[in-house]
Amino acid sequence: MAEFHKAASVTDLEPGGIICVEVAGTRVAIYNLNGEFFATSPSCTHVEADLADGYIEDEEVVCPLHYATFNIRTGESTGPPADGDLTTYKVRVTGQDIEVEI
């Protein structure tokens, strides 16, 4: 059964920022979209580049290698050369803690 685990603090992630962390043995990317937090699998589905090395444009994360794009809210692949969607995780903020359901 999935449970929420502390992944980071809200002070660890500026608006427009991305970090990759390990949560309960699973690596996840956490995004700050203007104070709203989201989490996905951390690697591009094209060549497994670390999405934390990419950047956010509107509501998409752009892969740093070949510029594949993914919707941060849904994980959906929105631009080539990605060949699959990202896994998304539920996120909640408790006090200053960003928690991810794993």
Protein backbone atom coordinates (compact mmCIF):
# COMPACT_ATOMS: atom_id res chain seq x y z
CA MET A 1 0.00 0.00 0.00
CA ALA A 2 1.37 3.40 -0.98
CA GLU A 3 2.27 5.89 1.75
CA PHE A 4 3.41 9.51 1.82
CA HIS A 5 7.09 10.08 2.64
CA LYS A 6 9.02 13.30 3.18
CA ALA A 7 10.96 14.07 0.02
CA ALA A 8 12.17 17.66 0.54
CA SER A 9 11.38 20.96 2.16
CA VAL A 10 9.54 23.74 0.34
CA THR A 11 12.65 25.88 0.95
CA ASP A 12 14.72 23.39 -1.11
CA LEU A 13 12.95 24.27 -4.33
CA GLU A 14 12.46 27.74 -5.79
CA PRO A 15 9.54 28.45 -8.15
CA GLY A 16 10.50 27.04 -11.55
CA GLY A 17 12.97 24.65 -9.94
CA ILE A 18 13.49 20.90 -10.30
CA ILE A 19 15.28 18.49 -7.99
CA CYS A 20 15.75 14.73 -8.05
CA VAL A 21 15.62 12.90 -4.74
CA GLU A 22 15.28 9.37 -3.44
CA VAL A 23 12.03 8.66 -1.61
CA ALA A 24 11.51 5.28 0.06
CA GLY A 25 14.02 3.71 -2.35
CA THR A 26 12.52 5.33 -5.47
CA ARG A 27 14.11 8.23 -7.37
CA VAL A 28 11.66 11.00 -8.24
CA ALA A 29 11.85 14.45 -9.79
CA ILE A 30 10.04 17.19 -7.87
CA TYR A 31 8.94 20.39 -9.58
CA ASN A 32 7.80 23.75 -8.22
CA LEU A 33 5.26 25.38 -10.53
CA ASN A 34 4.71 28.76 -8.86
CA GLY A 35 4.31 27.25 -5.40
CA GLU A 36 2.47 24.11 -6.51
CA PHE A 37 4.52 20.91 -6.27
CA PHE A 38 4.49 17.88 -8.57
CA ALA A 39 6.52 14.67 -8.82
CA THR A 40 7.35 12.35 -11.72
CA SER A 41 9.83 9.67 -12.62
CA PRO A 42 13.21 11.43 -12.91
CA SER A 43 14.48 10.36 -16.33
CA CYS A 44 13.55 11.15 -19.91
CA THR A 45 11.90 8.19 -21.62
CA HIS A 46 14.10 8.72 -24.68
CA VAL A 47 17.63 8.17 -23.30
CA GLU A 48 17.11 8.42 -19.54
CA ALA A 49 18.65 11.88 -19.12
CA ASP A 50 18.19 13.39 -15.65
CA LEU A 51 15.25 15.80 -15.93
CA ALA A 52 16.58 17.87 -13.00
CA ASP A 53 19.27 19.03 -15.45
CA GLY A 54 16.54 20.30 -17.78
CA TYR A 55 14.29 23.28 -17.34
CA ILE A 56 10.63 24.19 -16.97
CA GLU A 57 8.83 26.02 -19.75
CA ASP A 58 5.18 26.84 -18.98
CA GLU A 59 3.91 23.54 -17.47
CA GLU A 60 6.42 21.29 -19.23
CA VAL A 61 9.82 19.95 -18.33
CA VAL A 62 12.32 20.05 -21.18
CA CYS A 63 14.92 17.28 -21.33
CA PRO A 64 18.50 18.62 -21.31
CA LEU A 65 19.78 16.26 -24.03
CA HIS A 66 17.40 16.19 -26.97
CA TYR A 67 14.69 18.61 -25.79
CA ALA A 68 11.86 16.11 -25.42
CA THR A 69 9.02 17.66 -23.41
CA PHE A 70 6.62 16.31 -20.79
CA ASN A 71 3.60 17.82 -19.06
CA ILE A 72 4.59 18.13 -15.39
CA ARG A 73 1.01 17.75 -14.12
CA THR A 74 0.16 14.59 -16.10
CA GLY A 75 3.53 13.09 -17.11
CA GLU A 76 2.33 12.98 -20.70
CA SER A 77 4.99 13.12 -23.41
CA THR A 78 4.28 16.31 -25.37
CA GLY A 79 7.21 16.45 -27.77
CA PRO A 80 9.67 14.13 -29.52
CA PRO A 81 11.93 12.32 -29.30
CA ALA A 82 10.43 10.94 -26.05
CA ASP A 83 8.82 7.56 -26.59
CA GLY A 84 6.67 7.25 -23.48
CA ASP A 85 5.04 9.13 -20.64
CA LEU A 86 6.54 9.78 -17.21
CA THR A 87 5.17 8.12 -14.10
CA THR A 88 3.50 10.66 -11.83
CA TYR A 89 3.27 10.58 -8.04
CA LYS A 90 0.83 12.25 -5.67
CA VAL A 91 2.35 15.14 -3.72
CA ARG A 92 1.19 16.98 -0.63
CA VAL A 93 2.72 19.69 1.49
CA THR A 94 2.56 19.29 5.26
CA GLY A 95 3.93 22.36 7.02
CA GLN A 96 7.28 22.92 5.25
CA ASP A 97 7.62 19.28 4.10
CA ILE A 98 7.01 18.14 0.53
CA GLU A 99 5.71 14.59 0.76
CA VAL A 100 5.44 12.11 -2.12
CA GLU A 101 3.25 9.02 -2.18
CA ILE A 102 5.29 5.90 -2.96
